[in-house]
Protein backbone atom coordinates (compact mmCIF):
# COMPACT_ATOMS: atom_id res chain seq x y z
CA MET A 1 8.22 35.07 25.10
CA ASP A 2 9.46 31.65 23.92
CA GLU A 3 8.61 28.30 25.53
CA THR A 4 11.83 28.11 27.57
CA SER A 5 11.23 31.55 29.08
CA VAL A 6 7.64 30.65 29.94
CA LEU A 7 8.75 27.44 31.71
CA ASN A 8 11.44 29.34 33.62
CA GLU A 9 8.81 31.84 34.75
CA LEU A 10 6.56 28.93 35.78
CA LYS A 11 9.32 27.37 37.90
CA SER A 12 9.99 30.69 39.61
CA LEU A 13 6.30 31.11 40.46
CA ILE A 14 6.04 27.55 41.82
CA LEU A 15 9.04 28.05 44.13
CA SER A 16 7.68 31.38 45.31
CA LYS A 17 4.27 29.90 46.15
CA ALA A 18 5.84 26.89 47.88
CA GLY A 19 8.18 29.16 49.86
CA ILE A 20 11.28 27.44 48.51
CA ARG A 21 14.36 29.57 47.90
CA SER A 22 16.68 26.92 46.42
CA VAL A 23 15.02 23.77 45.09
CA THR A 24 16.40 20.27 45.72
CA PRO A 25 15.19 16.85 44.48
CA GLY A 26 13.58 16.27 47.85
CA ASP A 27 11.40 19.37 47.43
CA CYS A 28 9.69 17.91 44.35
CA LYS A 29 7.62 15.48 46.42
CA ARG A 30 6.48 18.32 48.66
CA ILE A 31 5.46 20.43 45.64
CA SER A 32 3.50 17.47 44.23
CA ILE A 33 1.61 17.09 47.52
CA GLU A 34 0.91 20.85 47.73
CA ILE A 35 -0.62 20.82 44.21
CA SER A 36 -2.79 17.83 45.10
CA LYS A 37 -4.07 19.57 48.26
CA ALA A 38 -4.74 22.88 46.52
CA LEU A 39 -6.43 21.65 43.34
CA ASN A 40 -7.38 18.04 44.00
CA LYS A 41 -5.37 17.22 40.86
CA SER A 42 -2.32 15.00 40.61
CA VAL A 43 1.07 15.96 39.15
CA SER A 44 3.63 13.29 39.98
CA GLU A 45 6.89 13.84 41.83
CA THR A 46 8.77 12.58 38.76
CA THR A 47 7.08 15.17 36.55
CA ILE A 48 8.10 17.94 38.96
CA LYS A 49 11.67 16.59 38.91
CA ARG A 50 11.61 16.69 35.10
CA LEU A 51 10.43 20.29 35.21
CA PHE A 52 13.30 21.35 37.49
CA GLY A 53 15.92 19.28 35.68
CA PHE A 54 16.36 16.47 38.21
CA ALA A 55 15.06 13.80 35.79
CA VAL A 56 15.50 13.18 32.09
CA VAL A 57 12.95 14.91 29.84
CA LYS A 58 11.98 12.32 27.21
CA HIS A 59 8.96 14.16 25.81
CA ASN A 60 7.10 17.45 26.09
CA PHE A 61 4.88 18.13 29.08
CA SER A 62 1.23 17.27 28.51
CA GLN A 63 -1.39 19.95 28.19
CA PHE A 64 -3.00 18.71 31.44
CA THR A 65 0.28 19.01 33.36
CA LEU A 66 0.96 22.54 32.16
CA THR A 67 -2.60 23.68 32.80
CA THR A 68 -2.50 22.27 36.34
CA LEU A 69 0.84 23.90 37.15
CA PHE A 70 -0.23 27.31 35.86
CA GLU A 71 -3.51 26.97 37.74
CA TYR A 72 -1.53 26.23 40.90
CA VAL A 73 0.40 29.50 40.61
CA ASP A 74 -2.76 31.45 39.61
CA ASN A 75 -1.33 32.44 36.23
CA GLU A 76 -3.15 30.45 33.55
CA LYS A 77 -2.63 33.25 31.01
CA LEU A 78 1.01 32.22 30.56
CA ILE A 79 0.03 28.83 29.12
CA ARG A 80 -1.33 30.54 26.02
CA LEU A 81 2.23 31.48 25.12
CA ILE A 82 3.22 27.82 24.72
CA PRO A 83 2.20 26.33 21.34
CA ARG A 84 0.00 23.30 21.78
CA GLU A 85 1.29 20.06 20.40
CA LYS A 86 -1.36 18.70 18.04
CA ASN A 87 -2.57 15.14 18.28
CA THR A 88 -1.96 12.80 15.37
CA GLN A 89 -5.45 13.20 13.95
CA ASP A 90 -5.24 17.00 13.92
CA LYS A 91 -1.73 16.89 12.45
CA ASP A 92 -2.83 14.55 9.64
CA LYS A 93 -5.75 16.84 8.91
CA ASP A 94 -3.44 19.86 8.74
CA ASP A 95 -1.01 17.99 6.45
CA TRP A 96 -3.85 17.04 4.11
CA GLU A 97 -5.29 20.55 4.01
CA SER A 98 -1.83 22.00 3.39
CA LEU A 99 -1.24 19.54 0.54
CA ARG A 100 -4.59 20.37 -1.07
CA HIS A 101 -3.97 24.09 -0.65
CA TYR A 102 -0.56 24.14 -2.33
CA ALA A 103 -1.50 21.70 -5.10
CA GLY A 104 -4.69 23.65 -5.75
CA LYS A 105 -2.89 26.99 -5.79
CA THR A 106 -0.42 25.88 -8.47
CA THR A 107 -3.06 24.06 -10.51
CA ASP A 108 -5.43 27.04 -10.39
CA PHE A 109 -2.64 29.27 -11.69
CA THR A 110 -1.98 26.87 -14.59
CA LEU A 111 -5.69 26.60 -15.45
CA LYS A 112 -6.09 30.36 -15.40
CA GLY A 113 -3.18 30.73 -17.83
CA ILE A 114 -4.72 28.17 -20.18
CA ARG A 115 -8.09 29.93 -20.15
CA ASN A 116 -6.59 33.34 -20.80
CA ARG A 117 -4.31 32.15 -23.61
CA SER A 118 -6.87 30.02 -25.44
CA GLY A 119 -7.16 31.04 -29.11
CA LEU A 120 -10.84 30.15 -29.01
CA PRO A 121 -12.73 31.66 -26.05
CA TYR A 122 -12.38 28.98 -23.40
CA GLU A 123 -16.12 28.69 -22.72
CA MET A 124 -16.53 27.57 -26.35
CA THR A 125 -14.05 24.70 -25.99
CA ILE A 126 -15.18 21.21 -25.02
CA SER A 127 -13.89 18.16 -23.20
CA ARG A 128 -12.77 15.24 -25.39
CA LYS A 129 -14.63 11.97 -24.88
CA PHE A 130 -11.65 9.84 -25.92
CA ALA A 131 -9.50 11.64 -23.32
CA GLU A 132 -12.07 11.01 -20.60
CA HIS A 133 -12.19 7.29 -21.39
CA ASP A 134 -8.40 7.00 -21.57
CA PHE A 135 -7.87 8.94 -18.35
CA GLU A 136 -10.45 6.93 -16.41
CA GLU A 137 -8.88 3.68 -17.58
CA PHE A 138 -5.41 4.93 -16.66
CA TYR A 139 -6.52 6.27 -13.25
CA ASN A 140 -8.01 2.92 -12.26
CA SER A 141 -5.15 0.84 -13.65
CA ASN A 142 -1.73 -0.16 -12.32
CA PHE A 143 0.07 1.87 -14.99
CA SER A 144 2.37 4.59 -13.61
CA PHE A 145 2.25 7.16 -16.40
CA MET A 146 0.57 8.18 -19.62
CA CYS A 147 1.23 10.84 -22.23
CA PHE A 148 -1.08 12.63 -24.64
CA ILE A 149 0.92 12.70 -27.89
CA SER A 150 0.12 14.45 -31.17
CA GLN A 151 1.25 16.92 -33.78
CA PRO A 152 0.87 20.64 -32.88
CA GLY A 153 -2.64 22.06 -32.91
CA TYR A 154 -4.61 19.07 -31.62
CA GLY A 155 -5.70 20.80 -28.41
CA LYS A 156 -3.72 18.73 -25.90
CA THR A 157 -3.44 21.54 -23.36
CA THR A 158 -7.14 22.34 -23.53
CA LEU A 159 -8.16 18.71 -23.11
CA LEU A 160 -5.92 18.46 -20.02
CA SER A 161 -7.58 21.54 -18.58
CA HIS A 162 -11.04 20.04 -19.05
CA LEU A 163 -9.93 16.74 -17.50
CA VAL A 164 -8.71 18.52 -14.37
CA GLU A 165 -11.90 20.56 -14.06
CA ASP A 166 -14.27 17.66 -14.75
CA TYR A 167 -12.57 14.97 -12.67
CA PHE A 168 -11.15 16.93 -9.74
CA TYR A 169 -12.77 20.34 -9.40
CA LYS A 170 -16.46 20.26 -10.29
CA GLU A 171 -19.07 19.76 -7.58
CA ASN A 172 -19.81 16.17 -8.61
CA ALA A 173 -16.26 15.36 -9.76
CA PRO A 174 -15.53 11.62 -9.35
CA TYR A 175 -12.00 12.11 -7.99
CA LYS A 176 -12.54 14.91 -5.47
CA ASP A 177 -10.67 12.92 -2.82
CA SER A 178 -7.57 13.00 -5.02
CA ASN A 179 -5.09 15.82 -5.61
CA VAL A 180 -3.73 17.04 -8.91
CA LEU A 181 -0.61 19.16 -9.42
CA PHE A 182 -0.80 20.66 -12.92
CA VAL A 183 2.45 22.39 -13.90
CA LYS A 184 4.20 23.65 -16.99
CA ALA A 185 7.58 22.17 -17.89
CA TYR A 186 9.27 25.58 -17.66
CA SER A 187 8.58 25.64 -13.89
CA PHE A 188 11.50 23.21 -13.50
CA PHE A 189 13.96 25.78 -14.85
CA LYS A 190 15.37 29.00 -13.48
CA LYS A 191 15.27 32.23 -15.45
CA ASP A 192 18.87 31.75 -16.55
CA GLY A 193 18.03 28.29 -17.94
CA ASP A 194 19.58 26.31 -15.10
CA TYR A 195 17.62 23.21 -14.15
CA TYR A 196 15.88 22.76 -10.78
CA ASP A 197 15.92 19.33 -9.20
CA LEU A 198 12.57 17.75 -10.18
CA GLU A 199 11.73 16.25 -6.80
CA ALA A 200 12.88 19.37 -4.95
CA GLN A 201 10.66 21.54 -7.14
CA ILE A 202 7.65 19.27 -6.57
CA ARG A 203 8.31 19.54 -2.82
CA ALA A 204 8.45 23.33 -3.14
CA GLU A 205 5.19 23.45 -5.10
CA LEU A 206 3.47 21.29 -2.47
CA GLY A 207 5.07 22.85 0.61
CA ILE A 208 6.56 19.50 1.73
CA SER A 209 9.64 19.49 3.95
CA ALA A 210 12.86 17.96 2.63
CA LYS A 211 12.93 15.82 5.79
CA LYS A 212 9.96 13.79 4.54
CA ASP A 213 10.19 11.05 1.93
CA LEU A 214 8.12 12.57 -0.88
CA LEU A 215 6.51 9.45 -2.35
CA SER A 216 5.87 7.80 1.02
CA TYR A 217 4.26 11.00 2.27
CA LEU A 218 2.01 11.33 -0.79
CA HIS A 219 1.10 7.64 -0.60
CA GLU A 220 0.16 7.80 3.09
CA GLN A 221 -1.89 10.98 2.70
CA HIS A 222 -3.97 9.59 -0.16
CA GLN A 223 -4.23 6.03 1.12
CA ALA A 224 -5.99 7.32 4.23
CA ARG A 225 -8.63 9.04 2.09
CA GLY A 226 -9.05 6.64 -0.81
CA GLY A 227 -7.63 9.02 -3.41
CA LYS A 228 -4.58 9.39 -5.61
CA PHE A 229 -2.02 12.06 -6.44
CA ILE A 230 -1.76 13.00 -10.11
CA LEU A 231 1.21 15.01 -11.42
CA ILE A 232 0.49 16.60 -14.81
CA ILE A 233 3.30 18.21 -16.81
CA ASP A 234 2.51 20.14 -20.00
CA GLY A 235 4.24 22.75 -22.13
CA PHE A 236 7.39 20.93 -23.24
CA ALA A 237 7.15 22.67 -26.62
CA ASP A 238 7.58 26.03 -24.87
CA LEU A 239 11.08 25.10 -23.71
CA ALA A 240 13.71 26.78 -25.86
CA LEU A 241 16.57 24.74 -24.47
CA LYS A 242 19.58 22.87 -25.69
CA LYS A 243 19.03 19.18 -26.33
CA ASP A 244 21.21 18.03 -23.42
CA ILE A 245 19.36 20.23 -20.92
CA LYS A 246 15.96 19.01 -22.11
CA ASN A 247 17.25 15.44 -21.88
CA GLN A 248 18.19 16.18 -18.29
CA LEU A 249 14.55 16.99 -17.58
CA PHE A 250 13.39 13.87 -19.42
CA ASP A 251 15.76 11.69 -17.39
CA SER A 252 14.58 13.26 -14.13
CA ILE A 253 10.95 12.55 -15.03
CA LEU A 254 11.81 8.96 -15.91
CA ASN A 255 13.73 8.51 -12.66
CA PHE A 256 10.73 9.85 -10.77
CA ILE A 257 8.45 7.39 -12.59
CA CYS A 258 10.83 4.51 -11.81
CA ALA A 259 10.48 5.32 -8.12
CA LEU A 260 6.71 4.82 -8.37
CA ASP A 261 7.13 1.04 -8.19
CA SER A 262 6.49 1.35 -4.45
CA THR A 263 3.06 2.99 -4.84
CA ASN A 264 0.05 2.88 -7.14
CA LEU A 265 -1.41 6.03 -5.63
CA VAL A 266 0.96 8.45 -7.38
CA LYS A 267 0.65 8.77 -11.16
CA VAL A 268 2.13 10.99 -13.87
CA VAL A 269 0.38 12.47 -16.92
CA LEU A 270 2.44 14.15 -19.64
CA SER A 271 1.55 16.01 -22.82
CA MET A 272 4.01 16.23 -25.73
CA ARG A 273 4.30 16.84 -29.42
CA SER A 274 5.19 13.77 -31.45
CA THR A 275 8.75 14.99 -32.01
CA SER A 276 9.29 15.50 -28.26
CA TRP A 277 7.84 12.10 -27.49
CA ILE A 278 10.25 10.40 -29.90
CA ARG A 279 13.17 11.93 -27.98
CA PHE A 280 11.55 11.10 -24.65
CA TYR A 281 10.86 7.49 -25.65
CA GLU A 282 14.46 7.12 -26.79
CA ARG A 283 15.49 7.77 -23.17
CA MET A 284 13.18 5.02 -21.83
CA ARG A 285 13.01 2.35 -24.53
CA HIS A 286 15.76 0.21 -22.97
CA SER A 287 13.88 -0.04 -19.65
CA ALA A 288 11.46 -2.96 -19.48
CA TYR A 289 9.88 -1.43 -16.36
CA LEU A 290 9.13 1.91 -18.03
CA ARG A 291 7.74 0.31 -21.18
CA ALA A 292 5.50 -1.95 -19.11
CA ASN A 293 4.22 0.93 -16.97
CA TRP A 294 3.41 3.29 -19.84
CA PHE A 295 -0.31 3.49 -20.65
CA GLN A 296 -0.37 4.07 -24.41
CA GLY A 297 -4.05 4.98 -24.64
CA ASN A 298 -6.63 3.42 -26.93
CA TYR A 299 -5.81 5.51 -30.00
CA PHE A 300 -2.05 5.19 -30.24
CA ASP A 301 -0.89 5.17 -33.87
CA VAL A 302 2.70 4.01 -34.30
CA ASN A 303 3.02 5.52 -37.78
CA ASP A 304 1.76 8.97 -36.77
CA VAL A 305 3.30 8.76 -33.27
CA SER A 306 0.02 10.04 -31.86
CA ASN A 307 -2.72 8.94 -29.51
CA VAL A 308 -4.89 12.06 -29.85
CA PRO A 309 -7.44 11.57 -32.65
CA PRO A 310 -9.02 14.43 -34.63
CA LEU A 311 -12.34 15.80 -33.40
CA THR A 312 -15.35 13.64 -34.16
CA GLU A 313 -18.13 15.10 -36.29
CA ARG A 314 -20.28 15.43 -33.20
CA GLU A 315 -17.52 17.30 -31.35
CA VAL A 316 -17.08 19.64 -34.33
CA GLU A 317 -20.80 20.38 -34.35
CA GLN A 318 -20.77 21.02 -30.60
CA ILE A 319 -17.94 23.56 -30.90
CA ILE A 320 -19.56 25.25 -33.91
CA SER A 321 -22.74 25.59 -31.87
CA ASN A 322 -20.73 27.11 -29.02
CA THR A 323 -19.36 29.78 -31.38
CA GLY A 324 -22.90 30.87 -32.23
CA HIS A 325 -23.11 29.29 -35.71
CA PHE A 326 -25.97 26.91 -35.04
CA ASP A 327 -26.76 25.79 -38.58
CA HIS A 328 -23.90 23.28 -38.59
CA GLU A 329 -25.75 20.81 -40.80
CA ASN A 330 -25.44 23.09 -43.83
CA ILE A 331 -21.75 23.94 -43.46
CA ASN A 332 -19.67 22.97 -46.46
CA PRO A 333 -18.42 19.35 -45.98
CA LYS A 334 -14.85 20.32 -46.93
CA LEU A 335 -14.85 23.03 -44.27
CA LYS A 336 -16.27 20.65 -41.66
CA ALA A 337 -13.53 18.14 -42.46
CA GLN A 338 -10.89 20.81 -41.83
CA LEU A 339 -12.50 21.69 -38.51
CA LYS A 340 -11.75 18.20 -37.16
CA PHE A 341 -8.32 19.62 -36.33
CA PRO A 342 -8.69 21.91 -33.27
CA PHE A 343 -6.19 24.49 -34.55
CA HIS A 344 -8.47 25.13 -37.54
CA ILE A 345 -11.35 25.81 -35.15
CA HIS A 346 -9.41 28.81 -33.90
CA LEU A 347 -8.90 30.07 -37.46
CA TYR A 348 -12.57 29.44 -38.23
CA TYR A 349 -13.55 31.56 -35.23
CA GLN A 350 -11.27 34.38 -36.38
CA LEU A 351 -12.81 34.19 -39.85
CA LYS A 352 -16.29 34.38 -38.39
CA GLU A 353 -15.33 37.36 -36.22
CA GLU A 354 -13.90 39.22 -39.22
CA ASP A 355 -16.86 38.51 -41.48
CA PRO A 356 -20.02 37.31 -39.69
CA PHE A 357 -21.88 37.15 -43.01
CA ILE A 358 -19.46 34.95 -44.91
CA ASN A 359 -21.17 32.08 -46.73
CA TYR A 360 -20.26 28.85 -44.96
CA TYR A 361 -22.29 26.70 -47.33
CA THR A 362 -20.00 27.15 -50.33
CA ASN A 363 -16.28 26.52 -50.87
CA ILE A 364 -15.40 30.16 -50.10
CA ALA A 365 -14.99 29.66 -46.35
CA PHE A 366 -13.01 26.46 -46.95
CA TYR A 367 -10.52 28.22 -49.24
CA GLU A 368 -10.28 31.16 -46.84
CA LEU A 369 -9.42 28.75 -44.04
CA VAL A 370 -6.83 26.89 -46.12
CA SER A 371 -5.18 30.17 -47.16
CA ARG A 372 -4.44 30.96 -43.53
């Protein structure tokens, strides 16, 4: 039974109890008095007129009014069929929990895919210290977006995964009051290659109605809780698309970033190969606003078009230890130098799996790695 049917049933029961066959405006005062006598509770004459259509209904009936009326006709069970209107505090709480649920659901799916597709078993991978420092600086700055840029094989996707886990998901994560939506670039395209509207797709991922202003909504939700909303887009290299279609995505991202001038609580993190970044930057280089709001990172090299440095010696040793080869101090220096590039770590692990007894102290392992 819908709300209208329940209210019609309520009116019928009230008239029956009051002994009124055909209600008039004058009867409403009598009904109000009868309720007051029976229950020692007050429902105004005007409210009764609103119920029977003799006065304008400007808002829904309060929970107290409905409870009193159903109590008067000895049928309080019917009130359960009318959905309760939530107060502002409860509604805000529901909105926040819904936002966290949808953002978390998509991000969890992305993280699971990264773990399962990692060339090196994911538990052997590590977080990158430079990425942590850059991300913290960016998060606490007024910059709107940043991008991890490098040649293929530098572990950009893995470092993003660790950032999300360490800063948003772990028990003592510093940004637990923030939300992160971690998506792959292909999620903005249909199976036939047609492009989804960027903002519409973000709304869909977060379960946000088209009636709400997206950025204002995200700003308000996070401002109330002292957090921020971070949109992370990775996987541009996986897009086998024509140049003009990929440019359409780039332009949509840039337009979205331009709209962030009204909030510092919504930020964008991208991850691209150097070649993709060159094309992306070409779309934004004429905008003073975009250039000023791009956080380059502390390791940006103009010549290499990269801000992701090779692994440090300590990071290499940590990963080698994670693979079970603990005597990292005696590994051939040439081999260790190669392992500063994350892609070679994967090949090293394969080599170790194929021949656990290979001599890592001579040049043999180095040449084996180079040959692959």
